[in-house]
N, C-alpha and C. Protein backbone atom coordinates (compact mmCIF):
# COMPACT_ATOMS: atom_id res chain seq x y z
N MET A 1 -14.95 16.55 -1.06
CA MET A 1 -14.06 16.95 -2.13
C MET A 1 -14.69 18.09 -2.93
N GLN A 2 -15.99 18.04 -3.09
CA GLN A 2 -16.66 19.11 -3.83
C GLN A 2 -16.52 20.44 -3.10
N LEU A 3 -16.61 20.41 -1.78
CA LEU A 3 -16.45 21.62 -0.98
C LEU A 3 -15.05 22.20 -1.16
N ILE A 4 -14.06 21.37 -1.09
CA ILE A 4 -12.67 21.83 -1.23
C ILE A 4 -12.43 22.43 -2.60
N LYS A 5 -12.99 21.82 -3.63
CA LYS A 5 -12.83 22.33 -5.00
C LYS A 5 -13.45 23.71 -5.17
N GLN A 6 -14.46 24.05 -4.37
CA GLN A 6 -15.13 25.34 -4.49
C GLN A 6 -14.35 26.48 -3.84
N LEU A 7 -13.40 26.16 -2.98
CA LEU A 7 -12.60 27.19 -2.32
C LEU A 7 -11.53 27.70 -3.28
N ASP A 8 -11.45 29.05 -3.49
CA ASP A 8 -10.50 29.61 -4.47
C ASP A 8 -9.06 29.49 -3.99
N PHE A 9 -8.82 29.49 -2.69
CA PHE A 9 -7.45 29.49 -2.20
C PHE A 9 -6.86 28.08 -2.06
N VAL A 10 -7.61 27.07 -2.45
CA VAL A 10 -7.13 25.69 -2.39
C VAL A 10 -6.98 25.15 -3.80
N GLU A 11 -5.80 24.68 -4.10
CA GLU A 11 -5.57 24.06 -5.40
C GLU A 11 -5.69 22.56 -5.25
N VAL A 12 -6.50 21.96 -6.10
CA VAL A 12 -6.71 20.52 -6.05
C VAL A 12 -6.02 19.91 -7.26
N GLU A 13 -5.14 18.99 -6.97
CA GLU A 13 -4.40 18.33 -8.04
C GLU A 13 -5.10 17.01 -8.37
N GLU A 14 -5.47 16.84 -9.61
CA GLU A 14 -6.14 15.62 -10.02
C GLU A 14 -5.12 14.49 -10.13
N VAL A 15 -5.46 13.37 -9.56
CA VAL A 15 -4.57 12.21 -9.59
C VAL A 15 -5.25 11.13 -10.42
N LYS A 16 -4.54 10.67 -11.43
CA LYS A 16 -5.10 9.61 -12.26
C LYS A 16 -4.87 8.28 -11.57
N LYS A 17 -5.91 7.48 -11.53
CA LYS A 17 -5.81 6.17 -10.89
C LYS A 17 -5.25 5.17 -11.89
N LYS A 18 -4.41 4.28 -11.36
CA LYS A 18 -3.89 3.22 -12.20
C LYS A 18 -4.95 2.17 -12.40
N LYS A 19 -4.99 1.63 -13.59
CA LYS A 19 -5.92 0.55 -13.84
C LYS A 19 -5.31 -0.74 -13.33
N VAL A 20 -6.11 -1.49 -12.61
CA VAL A 20 -5.66 -2.76 -12.07
C VAL A 20 -5.81 -3.81 -13.17
N SER A 21 -4.75 -4.55 -13.36
CA SER A 21 -4.78 -5.57 -14.39
C SER A 21 -5.74 -6.68 -14.00
N ALA A 22 -6.63 -7.02 -14.90
CA ALA A 22 -7.58 -8.10 -14.64
C ALA A 22 -6.90 -9.45 -14.74
N ASN A 23 -5.68 -9.49 -15.25
CA ASN A 23 -4.98 -10.75 -15.45
C ASN A 23 -4.15 -11.16 -14.24
N TYR A 24 -4.17 -10.38 -13.16
CA TYR A 24 -3.38 -10.71 -11.98
C TYR A 24 -3.91 -11.96 -11.32
N ASP A 25 -3.01 -12.89 -11.05
CA ASP A 25 -3.38 -14.14 -10.40
C ASP A 25 -3.00 -14.07 -8.93
N PHE A 26 -3.99 -13.91 -8.07
CA PHE A 26 -3.77 -13.78 -6.64
C PHE A 26 -3.01 -14.99 -6.09
N PHE A 27 -3.30 -16.16 -6.55
CA PHE A 27 -2.72 -17.38 -6.01
C PHE A 27 -1.26 -17.57 -6.41
N SER A 28 -0.77 -16.81 -7.37
CA SER A 28 0.64 -16.91 -7.74
C SER A 28 1.54 -16.32 -6.66
N SER A 29 0.98 -15.54 -5.75
CA SER A 29 1.73 -14.95 -4.64
C SER A 29 1.79 -15.86 -3.43
N ALA A 30 1.26 -17.05 -3.53
CA ALA A 30 1.12 -17.95 -2.37
C ALA A 30 2.45 -18.28 -1.72
N GLY A 31 3.54 -18.41 -2.45
CA GLY A 31 4.82 -18.79 -1.87
C GLY A 31 5.72 -17.62 -1.56
N LEU A 32 5.17 -16.46 -1.39
CA LEU A 32 5.95 -15.24 -1.18
C LEU A 32 6.88 -15.33 0.02
N TRP A 33 6.43 -15.93 1.13
CA TRP A 33 7.23 -16.00 2.35
C TRP A 33 7.86 -17.38 2.55
N LYS A 34 7.81 -18.20 1.54
CA LYS A 34 8.35 -19.56 1.63
C LYS A 34 9.85 -19.51 1.91
N ASN A 35 10.31 -20.39 2.77
CA ASN A 35 11.73 -20.52 3.13
C ASN A 35 12.31 -19.27 3.79
N ARG A 36 11.49 -18.48 4.46
CA ARG A 36 11.97 -17.30 5.18
C ARG A 36 11.72 -17.52 6.65
N GLU A 37 12.75 -17.32 7.43
CA GLU A 37 12.65 -17.49 8.88
C GLU A 37 12.25 -16.16 9.50
N ILE A 38 10.97 -15.85 9.43
CA ILE A 38 10.48 -14.59 9.98
C ILE A 38 9.05 -14.81 10.49
N ASP A 39 8.72 -14.18 11.58
CA ASP A 39 7.37 -14.30 12.12
C ASP A 39 6.73 -12.91 12.21
N ALA A 40 5.49 -12.87 12.66
CA ALA A 40 4.75 -11.61 12.70
C ALA A 40 5.43 -10.58 13.59
N LYS A 41 5.97 -11.03 14.71
CA LYS A 41 6.64 -10.10 15.64
C LYS A 41 7.86 -9.46 14.97
N GLU A 42 8.63 -10.25 14.27
CA GLU A 42 9.82 -9.74 13.58
C GLU A 42 9.42 -8.79 12.44
N LEU A 43 8.36 -9.12 11.73
CA LEU A 43 7.88 -8.23 10.66
C LEU A 43 7.47 -6.87 11.23
N ARG A 44 6.76 -6.89 12.35
CA ARG A 44 6.35 -5.62 12.98
C ARG A 44 7.58 -4.82 13.41
N LYS A 45 8.55 -5.52 13.98
CA LYS A 45 9.76 -4.85 14.44
C LYS A 45 10.47 -4.16 13.28
N GLN A 46 10.58 -4.85 12.15
CA GLN A 46 11.24 -4.27 10.99
C GLN A 46 10.41 -3.14 10.39
N ALA A 47 9.09 -3.33 10.35
CA ALA A 47 8.23 -2.33 9.74
C ALA A 47 8.23 -1.02 10.53
N TRP A 48 8.23 -1.11 11.85
CA TRP A 48 8.18 0.08 12.69
C TRP A 48 9.55 0.52 13.14
N ASN A 49 10.57 -0.23 12.74
CA ASN A 49 11.95 0.09 13.08
C ASN A 49 12.12 0.24 14.59
N ILE A 50 11.56 -0.73 15.30
CA ILE A 50 11.60 -0.72 16.76
C ILE A 50 12.82 -1.54 17.20
N SER A 51 13.65 -0.95 18.01
CA SER A 51 14.81 -1.68 18.50
C SER A 51 14.60 -2.01 19.97
N LYS A 52 14.75 -3.27 20.30
CA LYS A 52 14.60 -3.70 21.68
C LYS A 52 15.82 -4.44 22.12
């Protein structure tokens, strides 16, 4: 990144990072897929938009 910043013909846009909330409870997401009839193969198919 330092090398790129030294090049005059390259513009580097600074991106501010979001602060992660320390109050996030990982275990509250445990039931995210509850009562959903979907498996890993179907998730991949939807994610990659693969039609078979």
